[in-house]
Every structure is written in structure tokens, then in C-alpha cells.
Amino acid sequence: HLKVAVLAGGFADFADRPGQYLPASAKLVSQYPADWVARHGLSPGVAGNALHSDRHGLSMAQMVWAAVGRPSKGPQFLLLNANGLTQLRRAIQYAIDEKVDVIQYSENWEYGGNFDGRGFINAAVSQATRAGILWVNAAGNYGGQVYDGSLALPGPDQTVRFTNRFDEN
């Protein structure tokens, strides 16, 4: 069964009406257990940011659900608090521990990477991809600066070709 982790800073409305917006199996993790945080060495002395009161993450999860045909049984959604770097790192580790198949993340960081793949955000994303998780990241806020080319995946004949024909998408 496909497991999708949606990493975001807000999932408003979900907690009040579970099962209404996504499959009933969807789970919200707004804070990570202190013993789990300590065990993984993920800044145990830091509380981490609370979720925003917006529904951006919930909307992203609903788009993924719609894209797969809105089956009542899934995919299994994990809605993970990724509000800030501390919570992002925790969300990634949680997704790894839960053996998710796909991470959907729609934030972008304008600093810290120098566009060479060696920044601290790149390291966090690489942790997930090394664990075999497909990382899907929105780039819609950047218009003509989105990727247009090919991507080589591990294994034989695993090249995916992307062509961006609409700058605003």
C-alpha cells in the first residue's frame, strides 16, 4: 500500500474533521515524541515550531489524493509538521522510520544551498532519497527557473524526461 508523507507547516481543518478531507487512514503528526527526538539526536532541547493555522499542507495532500483518483482506502497519508528546519529534519526522519514511499514537500529555501547540491537542505533531502524515498518538491513560485531536462534514476533504463512548456506551472 502506497505511503505518502506530506511535509508542511500547516494542516488546518484536518484535526477537527479527520476522514472528511482525506482517506480515514490519514494521520497528522503535529509534534514528535520527546523520546524519539532524543533517540535520533534531532535537537532534543528544542521544542520546534508549532503548526501554522493555514491549510496549505492539507491542500497539497488533497491534490496528491486527487491525482491518484481519490480511492477511499488510500494512499496512506502522513501529514508531518515541517515548520522550520528543526521540524523538517524531524519530519524526514519520521518518514524514513515509517517507510514512506513518497515525500511531497512544497516549501522552498532561497538560501543555504549555493545551487551546488551541497547545502544543509540538500543534505536533509538526500537523507530521504538515500533511504529509497521519492522526493517531490513544488517549484511553482519560480516560473522560468524550474528544471527542464532529464533525471537519471538508479537502475537500468530509469531516465525520466521533463519538459516545461508552461512557464507559470
N, C-alpha and C. Protein backbone atom coordinates (compact mmCIF):
# COMPACT_ATOMS: atom_id res chain seq x y z
N HIS A 1 0.85 -1.18 0.00
CA HIS A 1 0.00 0.00 0.00
C HIS A 1 0.88 1.23 0.00
N LEU A 2 0.62 2.17 -0.88
CA LEU A 2 1.43 3.38 -1.04
C LEU A 2 1.32 4.27 0.19
N LYS A 3 2.49 4.72 0.70
CA LYS A 3 2.53 5.64 1.82
C LYS A 3 3.11 6.96 1.34
N VAL A 4 2.39 8.04 1.59
CA VAL A 4 2.81 9.38 1.17
C VAL A 4 2.90 10.26 2.40
N ALA A 5 4.08 10.86 2.59
CA ALA A 5 4.25 11.84 3.66
C ALA A 5 4.18 13.22 3.04
N VAL A 6 3.31 14.05 3.57
CA VAL A 6 3.22 15.44 3.14
C VAL A 6 3.86 16.27 4.24
N LEU A 7 4.94 16.96 3.91
CA LEU A 7 5.67 17.77 4.86
C LEU A 7 5.27 19.22 4.65
N ALA A 8 4.76 19.85 5.69
CA ALA A 8 4.30 21.23 5.56
C ALA A 8 4.25 21.89 6.93
N GLY A 9 3.98 23.17 6.91
CA GLY A 9 3.89 23.94 8.15
C GLY A 9 2.49 24.11 8.68
N GLY A 10 1.48 23.70 7.91
CA GLY A 10 0.10 23.86 8.36
C GLY A 10 -0.85 22.86 7.72
N PHE A 11 -1.75 22.32 8.54
CA PHE A 11 -2.77 21.37 8.09
C PHE A 11 -4.11 21.72 8.71
N ALA A 12 -4.40 23.02 8.80
CA ALA A 12 -5.63 23.46 9.47
C ALA A 12 -6.84 22.75 8.89
N ASP A 13 -7.81 22.54 9.72
CA ASP A 13 -9.09 21.88 9.44
C ASP A 13 -9.00 20.36 9.53
N PHE A 14 -7.82 19.77 9.31
CA PHE A 14 -7.74 18.32 9.34
C PHE A 14 -8.05 17.75 10.72
N ALA A 15 -7.43 18.31 11.76
CA ALA A 15 -7.60 17.76 13.11
C ALA A 15 -9.05 17.82 13.58
N ASP A 16 -9.79 18.83 13.12
CA ASP A 16 -11.19 18.96 13.53
C ASP A 16 -12.11 18.00 12.81
N ARG A 17 -11.72 17.57 11.62
CA ARG A 17 -12.59 16.72 10.80
C ARG A 17 -11.81 15.61 10.10
N PRO A 18 -11.14 14.74 10.87
CA PRO A 18 -10.39 13.66 10.21
C PRO A 18 -11.34 12.78 9.40
N GLY A 19 -10.87 12.34 8.25
CA GLY A 19 -11.70 11.49 7.39
C GLY A 19 -12.57 12.26 6.44
N GLN A 20 -12.72 13.57 6.64
CA GLN A 20 -13.56 14.36 5.75
C GLN A 20 -12.78 14.84 4.53
N TYR A 21 -11.51 15.20 4.72
CA TYR A 21 -10.73 15.79 3.65
C TYR A 21 -9.80 14.81 2.94
N LEU A 22 -9.46 13.72 3.61
CA LEU A 22 -8.55 12.71 3.09
C LEU A 22 -9.07 11.34 3.52
N PRO A 23 -8.47 10.27 3.02
CA PRO A 23 -8.90 8.94 3.48
C PRO A 23 -8.84 8.84 5.00
N ALA A 24 -9.68 8.04 5.57
CA ALA A 24 -9.76 7.90 7.02
C ALA A 24 -8.45 7.43 7.64
N SER A 25 -7.59 6.81 6.86
CA SER A 25 -6.31 6.32 7.38
C SER A 25 -5.26 7.41 7.54
N ALA A 26 -5.53 8.63 7.08
CA ALA A 26 -4.56 9.73 7.17
C ALA A 26 -4.26 10.05 8.63
N LYS A 27 -2.99 10.36 8.90
CA LYS A 27 -2.55 10.62 10.27
C LYS A 27 -1.79 11.94 10.31
N LEU A 28 -2.11 12.78 11.29
CA LEU A 28 -1.43 14.06 11.49
C LEU A 28 -0.43 13.91 12.63
N VAL A 29 0.80 14.35 12.39
CA VAL A 29 1.83 14.40 13.43
C VAL A 29 2.23 15.86 13.58
N SER A 30 1.69 16.51 14.61
CA SER A 30 1.96 17.93 14.80
C SER A 30 3.21 18.17 15.64
N GLN A 31 3.53 17.26 16.54
CA GLN A 31 4.76 17.30 17.34
C GLN A 31 5.31 15.88 17.42
N TYR A 32 6.62 15.78 17.52
CA TYR A 32 7.27 14.48 17.55
C TYR A 32 7.57 14.10 19.00
N PRO A 33 7.40 12.83 19.37
CA PRO A 33 7.62 12.41 20.76
C PRO A 33 9.04 12.74 21.24
N ALA A 34 9.14 13.26 22.45
CA ALA A 34 10.42 13.70 23.00
C ALA A 34 11.45 12.56 23.05
N ASP A 35 11.02 11.35 23.42
CA ASP A 35 11.97 10.24 23.48
C ASP A 35 12.47 9.86 22.09
N TRP A 36 11.62 9.95 21.09
CA TRP A 36 12.00 9.67 19.70
C TRP A 36 12.99 10.73 19.21
N VAL A 37 12.71 12.01 19.50
CA VAL A 37 13.60 13.12 19.12
C VAL A 37 14.98 12.90 19.74
N ALA A 38 15.02 12.57 21.03
CA ALA A 38 16.29 12.35 21.72
C ALA A 38 17.03 11.15 21.15
N ARG A 39 16.32 10.07 20.89
CA ARG A 39 16.94 8.85 20.36
C ARG A 39 17.62 9.11 19.02
N HIS A 40 17.04 9.99 18.21
CA HIS A 40 17.61 10.30 16.90
C HIS A 40 18.54 11.50 16.93
N GLY A 41 18.71 12.12 18.09
CA GLY A 41 19.60 13.28 18.20
C GLY A 41 19.15 14.47 17.37
N LEU A 42 17.84 14.70 17.32
CA LEU A 42 17.27 15.76 16.48
C LEU A 42 16.94 17.00 17.33
N SER A 43 17.99 17.60 17.88
CA SER A 43 17.85 18.81 18.72
C SER A 43 16.86 18.58 19.85
N PRO A 44 17.16 17.62 20.74
CA PRO A 44 16.21 17.30 21.80
C PRO A 44 15.89 18.45 22.74
N GLY A 45 16.77 19.44 22.88
CA GLY A 45 16.50 20.57 23.76
C GLY A 45 15.64 21.64 23.13
N VAL A 46 15.24 21.45 21.88
CA VAL A 46 14.46 22.45 21.14
C VAL A 46 13.04 21.94 20.95
N ALA A 47 12.07 22.76 21.32
CA ALA A 47 10.66 22.35 21.17
C ALA A 47 10.27 22.20 19.71
N GLY A 48 10.78 23.04 18.86
CA GLY A 48 10.38 23.04 17.44
C GLY A 48 9.12 23.85 17.26
N ASN A 49 8.95 24.38 16.07
CA ASN A 49 7.80 25.23 15.77
C ASN A 49 6.50 24.45 15.76
N ALA A 50 5.47 25.09 16.25
CA ALA A 50 4.11 24.54 16.14
C ALA A 50 3.63 24.71 14.71
N LEU A 51 2.58 24.01 14.36
CA LEU A 51 1.99 24.15 13.03
C LEU A 51 1.37 25.54 12.86
N HIS A 52 1.40 26.03 11.64
CA HIS A 52 0.69 27.27 11.29
C HIS A 52 -0.81 26.99 11.32
N SER A 53 -1.59 28.04 11.31
CA SER A 53 -3.04 27.88 11.28
C SER A 53 -3.57 27.88 9.85
N ASP A 54 -2.70 27.68 8.85
CA ASP A 54 -3.17 27.62 7.47
C ASP A 54 -3.40 26.17 7.05
N ARG A 55 -4.00 25.99 5.89
CA ARG A 55 -4.32 24.63 5.42
C ARG A 55 -3.51 24.26 4.18
N HIS A 56 -2.38 24.92 3.98
CA HIS A 56 -1.56 24.67 2.80
C HIS A 56 -1.17 23.19 2.67
N GLY A 57 -0.69 22.60 3.75
CA GLY A 57 -0.30 21.18 3.71
C GLY A 57 -1.48 20.27 3.41
N LEU A 58 -2.62 20.58 4.00
CA LEU A 58 -3.82 19.78 3.73
C LEU A 58 -4.20 19.88 2.25
N SER A 59 -4.11 21.07 1.69
CA SER A 59 -4.41 21.25 0.26
C SER A 59 -3.45 20.44 -0.61
N MET A 60 -2.18 20.42 -0.24
CA MET A 60 -1.20 19.64 -1.00
C MET A 60 -1.55 18.15 -0.95
N ALA A 61 -1.90 17.66 0.24
CA ALA A 61 -2.29 16.25 0.37
C ALA A 61 -3.53 15.96 -0.47
N GLN A 62 -4.48 16.87 -0.47
CA GLN A 62 -5.70 16.66 -1.26
C GLN A 62 -5.39 16.61 -2.75
N MET A 63 -4.42 17.40 -3.20
CA MET A 63 -4.03 17.35 -4.62
C MET A 63 -3.41 16.01 -4.97
N VAL A 64 -2.58 15.48 -4.08
CA VAL A 64 -1.99 14.16 -4.32
C VAL A 64 -3.09 13.11 -4.37
N TRP A 65 -4.02 13.18 -3.44
CA TRP A 65 -5.12 12.22 -3.40
C TRP A 65 -5.95 12.31 -4.68
N ALA A 66 -6.23 13.51 -5.13
CA ALA A 66 -7.00 13.69 -6.37
C ALA A 66 -6.23 13.12 -7.57
N ALA A 67 -4.92 13.31 -7.58
CA ALA A 67 -4.10 12.83 -8.71
C ALA A 67 -4.11 11.31 -8.83
N VAL A 68 -4.32 10.61 -7.72
CA VAL A 68 -4.36 9.14 -7.78
C VAL A 68 -5.79 8.61 -7.84
N GLY A 69 -6.76 9.49 -8.04
CA GLY A 69 -8.14 9.06 -8.25
C GLY A 69 -9.02 9.04 -7.03
N ARG A 70 -8.57 9.56 -5.91
CA ARG A 70 -9.32 9.64 -4.65
C ARG A 70 -9.86 8.30 -4.17
N PRO A 71 -9.04 7.25 -4.16
CA PRO A 71 -9.54 5.98 -3.64
C PRO A 71 -9.82 6.09 -2.14
N SER A 72 -10.89 5.48 -1.70
CA SER A 72 -11.29 5.61 -0.30
C SER A 72 -10.29 4.98 0.67
N LYS A 73 -9.51 4.01 0.20
CA LYS A 73 -8.57 3.33 1.09
C LYS A 73 -7.16 3.89 1.03
N GLY A 74 -6.95 4.95 0.31
CA GLY A 74 -5.58 5.44 0.34
C GLY A 74 -5.20 6.26 -0.85
N PRO A 75 -3.96 6.56 -0.93
CA PRO A 75 -2.83 6.03 -0.19
C PRO A 75 -2.87 6.41 1.29
N GLN A 76 -1.99 5.78 2.06
CA GLN A 76 -1.84 6.13 3.47
C GLN A 76 -1.12 7.48 3.52
N PHE A 77 -1.74 8.48 4.11
CA PHE A 77 -1.12 9.80 4.23
C PHE A 77 -0.60 10.03 5.64
N LEU A 78 0.62 10.53 5.72
CA LEU A 78 1.18 11.03 6.96
C LEU A 78 1.38 12.53 6.77
N LEU A 79 0.69 13.32 7.54
CA LEU A 79 0.79 14.78 7.47
C LEU A 79 1.76 15.19 8.56
N LEU A 80 2.97 15.60 8.15
CA LEU A 80 4.06 15.80 9.10
C LEU A 80 4.44 17.26 9.23
N ASN A 81 4.55 17.71 10.47
CA ASN A 81 4.95 19.08 10.77
C ASN A 81 6.38 19.30 10.29
N ALA A 82 6.55 20.19 9.34
CA ALA A 82 7.87 20.56 8.82
C ALA A 82 8.03 22.08 8.87
N ASN A 83 7.49 22.70 9.91
CA ASN A 83 7.53 24.15 10.07
C ASN A 83 8.89 24.57 10.61
N GLY A 84 9.81 24.91 9.72
CA GLY A 84 11.16 25.30 10.10
C GLY A 84 12.13 24.14 9.96
N LEU A 85 13.41 24.45 10.03
CA LEU A 85 14.45 23.45 9.78
C LEU A 85 14.43 22.32 10.81
N THR A 86 14.24 22.63 12.08
CA THR A 86 14.21 21.58 13.11
C THR A 86 13.10 20.59 12.82
N GLN A 87 11.90 21.09 12.55
CA GLN A 87 10.77 20.19 12.28
C GLN A 87 10.93 19.49 10.93
N LEU A 88 11.54 20.15 9.94
CA LEU A 88 11.79 19.49 8.65
C LEU A 88 12.68 18.27 8.85
N ARG A 89 13.76 18.43 9.59
CA ARG A 89 14.65 17.29 9.83
C ARG A 89 13.93 16.17 10.57
N ARG A 90 13.11 16.54 11.53
CA ARG A 90 12.34 15.53 12.27
C ARG A 90 11.35 14.83 11.35
N ALA A 91 10.68 15.60 10.50
CA ALA A 91 9.70 15.02 9.58
C ALA A 91 10.36 14.02 8.63
N ILE A 92 11.54 14.36 8.15
CA ILE A 92 12.24 13.46 7.24
C ILE A 92 12.59 12.16 7.95
N GLN A 93 13.13 12.25 9.16
CA GLN A 93 13.47 11.04 9.90
C GLN A 93 12.23 10.21 10.21
N TYR A 94 11.14 10.89 10.56
CA TYR A 94 9.89 10.19 10.84
C TYR A 94 9.41 9.44 9.59
N ALA A 95 9.49 10.10 8.44
CA ALA A 95 9.09 9.46 7.19
C ALA A 95 9.95 8.24 6.89
N ILE A 96 11.24 8.36 7.15
CA ILE A 96 12.14 7.22 6.96
C ILE A 96 11.75 6.08 7.88
N ASP A 97 11.55 6.39 9.16
CA ASP A 97 11.17 5.36 10.13
C ASP A 97 9.85 4.68 9.77
N GLU A 98 8.93 5.45 9.20
CA GLU A 98 7.62 4.91 8.82
C GLU A 98 7.63 4.24 7.45
N LYS A 99 8.79 4.24 6.80
CA LYS A 99 8.97 3.59 5.50
C LYS A 99 7.99 4.12 4.44
N VAL A 100 7.92 5.44 4.33
CA VAL A 100 7.05 6.03 3.31
C VAL A 100 7.68 5.82 1.94
N ASP A 101 6.85 5.85 0.92
CA ASP A 101 7.31 5.69 -0.45
C ASP A 101 7.62 7.04 -1.11
N VAL A 102 6.81 8.05 -0.76
CA VAL A 102 6.91 9.37 -1.41
C VAL A 102 6.82 10.45 -0.34
N ILE A 103 7.66 11.46 -0.49
CA ILE A 103 7.52 12.69 0.30
C ILE A 103 7.12 13.78 -0.66
N GLN A 104 6.05 14.48 -0.31
CA GLN A 104 5.62 15.67 -1.06
C GLN A 104 5.91 16.87 -0.16
N TYR A 105 6.68 17.80 -0.70
CA TYR A 105 7.09 18.99 0.06
C TYR A 105 6.93 20.19 -0.86
N SER A 106 6.28 21.22 -0.40
CA SER A 106 6.04 22.35 -1.29
C SER A 106 6.65 23.65 -0.77
N GLU A 107 7.60 23.53 0.11
CA GLU A 107 8.35 24.71 0.55
C GLU A 107 9.60 24.81 -0.32
N ASN A 108 10.18 25.97 -0.32
CA ASN A 108 11.49 26.11 -0.96
C ASN A 108 12.31 27.08 -0.13
N TRP A 109 13.60 26.86 -0.17
CA TRP A 109 14.54 27.62 0.65
C TRP A 109 15.43 28.41 -0.30
N GLU A 110 15.44 29.71 -0.15
CA GLU A 110 16.21 30.56 -1.05
C GLU A 110 17.66 30.71 -0.63
N TYR A 111 18.05 30.09 0.44
CA TYR A 111 19.41 30.25 0.93
C TYR A 111 19.95 28.91 1.41
N GLY A 112 21.26 28.85 1.59
CA GLY A 112 21.87 27.70 2.23
C GLY A 112 22.31 26.59 1.31
N GLY A 113 22.10 26.70 0.01
CA GLY A 113 22.49 25.61 -0.86
C GLY A 113 23.50 25.98 -1.92
N ASN A 114 23.62 27.26 -2.21
CA ASN A 114 24.54 27.75 -3.23
C ASN A 114 24.33 27.08 -4.58
N PHE A 115 23.21 26.44 -4.77
CA PHE A 115 22.83 25.81 -6.04
C PHE A 115 23.84 24.78 -6.52
N ASP A 116 24.58 24.17 -5.59
CA ASP A 116 25.56 23.16 -5.97
C ASP A 116 25.26 21.78 -5.38
N GLY A 117 24.11 21.63 -4.71
CA GLY A 117 23.73 20.34 -4.16
C GLY A 117 24.40 19.98 -2.85
N ARG A 118 25.12 20.92 -2.23
CA ARG A 118 25.85 20.59 -1.01
C ARG A 118 25.38 21.36 0.22
N GLY A 119 24.25 22.04 0.15
CA GLY A 119 23.77 22.82 1.29
C GLY A 119 23.06 21.97 2.32
N PHE A 120 22.69 22.59 3.43
CA PHE A 120 22.07 21.84 4.53
C PHE A 120 20.68 21.33 4.17
N ILE A 121 19.95 22.02 3.32
CA ILE A 121 18.66 21.50 2.86
C ILE A 121 18.89 20.31 1.94
N ASN A 122 19.89 20.42 1.05
CA ASN A 122 20.22 19.30 0.18
C ASN A 122 20.57 18.06 1.00
N ALA A 123 21.31 18.24 2.09
CA ALA A 123 21.68 17.11 2.94
C ALA A 123 20.45 16.46 3.55
N ALA A 124 19.49 17.27 3.97
CA ALA A 124 18.26 16.72 4.57
C ALA A 124 17.47 15.94 3.53
N VAL A 125 17.34 16.49 2.33
CA VAL A 125 16.61 15.80 1.26
C VAL A 125 17.34 14.52 0.87
N SER A 126 18.66 14.59 0.78
CA SER A 126 19.45 13.40 0.41
C SER A 126 19.28 12.28 1.42
N GLN A 127 19.09 12.61 2.67
CA GLN A 127 18.86 11.59 3.69
C GLN A 127 17.63 10.76 3.32
N ALA A 128 16.57 11.43 2.87
CA ALA A 128 15.35 10.73 2.47
C ALA A 128 15.55 9.92 1.19
N THR A 129 16.20 10.51 0.20
CA THR A 129 16.36 9.79 -1.07
C THR A 129 17.29 8.60 -0.92
N ARG A 130 18.31 8.71 -0.06
CA ARG A 130 19.18 7.55 0.20
C ARG A 130 18.41 6.42 0.85
N ALA A 131 17.34 6.75 1.56
CA ALA A 131 16.50 5.72 2.20
C ALA A 131 15.50 5.13 1.20
N GLY A 132 15.57 5.55 -0.07
CA GLY A 132 14.69 4.99 -1.09
C GLY A 132 13.37 5.72 -1.25
N ILE A 133 13.25 6.90 -0.69
CA ILE A 133 12.01 7.67 -0.78
C ILE A 133 12.08 8.59 -1.99
N LEU A 134 11.01 8.60 -2.76
CA LEU A 134 10.90 9.54 -3.88
C LEU A 134 10.51 10.90 -3.31
N TRP A 135 11.30 11.93 -3.61
CA TRP A 135 11.06 13.28 -3.10
C TRP A 135 10.43 14.10 -4.22
N VAL A 136 9.24 14.65 -3.98
CA VAL A 136 8.56 15.50 -4.94
C VAL A 136 8.46 16.89 -4.31
N ASN A 137 9.04 17.87 -4.97
CA ASN A 137 9.07 19.22 -4.42
C ASN A 137 8.48 20.20 -5.42
N ALA A 138 7.58 21.04 -4.95
CA ALA A 138 7.00 22.07 -5.81
C ALA A 138 8.04 23.14 -6.11
N ALA A 139 7.98 23.69 -7.30
CA ALA A 139 8.87 24.78 -7.70
C ALA A 139 8.06 25.88 -8.35
N GLY A 140 6.75 25.91 -8.12
CA GLY A 140 5.85 26.81 -8.82
C GLY A 140 6.06 28.29 -8.57
N ASN A 141 6.73 28.66 -7.51
CA ASN A 141 6.93 30.08 -7.23
C ASN A 141 8.06 30.69 -8.05
N TYR A 142 8.71 29.89 -8.89
CA TYR A 142 9.90 30.37 -9.57
C TYR A 142 9.77 30.43 -11.09
N GLY A 143 8.57 30.27 -11.63
CA GLY A 143 8.34 30.47 -13.05
C GLY A 143 9.38 29.83 -13.94
N GLY A 144 10.09 30.61 -14.71
CA GLY A 144 11.05 30.13 -15.69
C GLY A 144 12.30 29.51 -15.11
N GLN A 145 12.42 29.42 -13.81
CA GLN A 145 13.62 28.86 -13.20
C GLN A 145 13.46 27.39 -12.83
N VAL A 146 12.38 26.74 -13.28
CA VAL A 146 12.17 25.33 -12.94
C VAL A 146 13.02 24.44 -13.82
N TYR A 147 13.22 23.21 -13.38
CA TYR A 147 14.06 22.25 -14.08
C TYR A 147 13.43 21.84 -15.41
N ASP A 148 14.24 21.78 -16.44
CA ASP A 148 13.80 21.33 -17.75
C ASP A 148 14.93 20.48 -18.32
N GLY A 149 14.82 19.20 -18.24
CA GLY A 149 15.88 18.32 -18.71
C GLY A 149 15.57 16.88 -18.38
N SER A 150 16.60 16.09 -18.15
CA SER A 150 16.36 14.69 -17.82
C SER A 150 16.93 14.38 -16.44
N LEU A 151 16.39 13.37 -15.83
CA LEU A 151 16.77 12.95 -14.49
C LEU A 151 17.10 11.48 -14.55
N ALA A 152 18.28 11.11 -14.09
CA ALA A 152 18.69 9.71 -14.09
C ALA A 152 18.37 9.10 -12.73
N LEU A 153 17.61 8.03 -12.74
CA LEU A 153 17.26 7.31 -11.53
C LEU A 153 18.12 6.05 -11.45
N PRO A 154 18.30 5.48 -10.26
CA PRO A 154 19.10 4.26 -10.14
C PRO A 154 18.51 3.11 -10.96
N GLY A 155 19.37 2.28 -11.50
CA GLY A 155 18.93 1.10 -12.23
C GLY A 155 18.94 1.32 -13.73
N PRO A 156 18.80 0.23 -14.48
CA PRO A 156 18.82 0.32 -15.94
C PRO A 156 17.55 0.99 -16.49
N ASP A 157 17.73 1.77 -17.53
CA ASP A 157 16.61 2.41 -18.23
C ASP A 157 15.70 3.20 -17.30
N GLN A 158 16.27 3.94 -16.40
CA GLN A 158 15.50 4.69 -15.42
C GLN A 158 15.63 6.21 -15.65
N THR A 159 15.61 6.63 -16.88
CA THR A 159 15.69 8.06 -17.17
C THR A 159 14.30 8.61 -17.38
N VAL A 160 14.02 9.72 -16.73
CA VAL A 160 12.74 10.39 -16.86
C VAL A 160 13.01 11.73 -17.52
N ARG A 161 12.25 12.07 -18.54
CA ARG A 161 12.44 13.33 -19.27
C ARG A 161 11.35 14.31 -18.87
N PHE A 162 11.74 15.51 -18.52
CA PHE A 162 10.80 16.56 -18.16
C PHE A 162 10.91 17.69 -19.17
N THR A 163 9.80 18.20 -19.60
CA THR A 163 9.79 19.37 -20.46
C THR A 163 8.79 20.36 -19.87
N ASN A 164 9.25 21.53 -19.56
CA ASN A 164 8.38 22.57 -19.03
C ASN A 164 7.90 23.43 -20.18
N ARG A 165 6.65 23.28 -20.57
CA ARG A 165 6.10 24.03 -21.69
C ARG A 165 5.32 25.26 -21.24
N PHE A 166 5.03 25.33 -19.97
CA PHE A 166 4.26 26.45 -19.44
C PHE A 166 5.01 27.05 -18.26
N ASP A 167 5.58 28.20 -18.50
CA ASP A 167 6.43 28.84 -17.51
C ASP A 167 5.77 29.03 -16.17
N GLU A 168 4.48 29.26 -16.14
CA GLU A 168 3.79 29.55 -14.88
C GLU A 168 3.36 28.31 -14.12
N ASN A 169 3.62 27.14 -14.61
CA ASN A 169 3.16 25.91 -13.94
C ASN A 169 4.27 25.24 -13.17
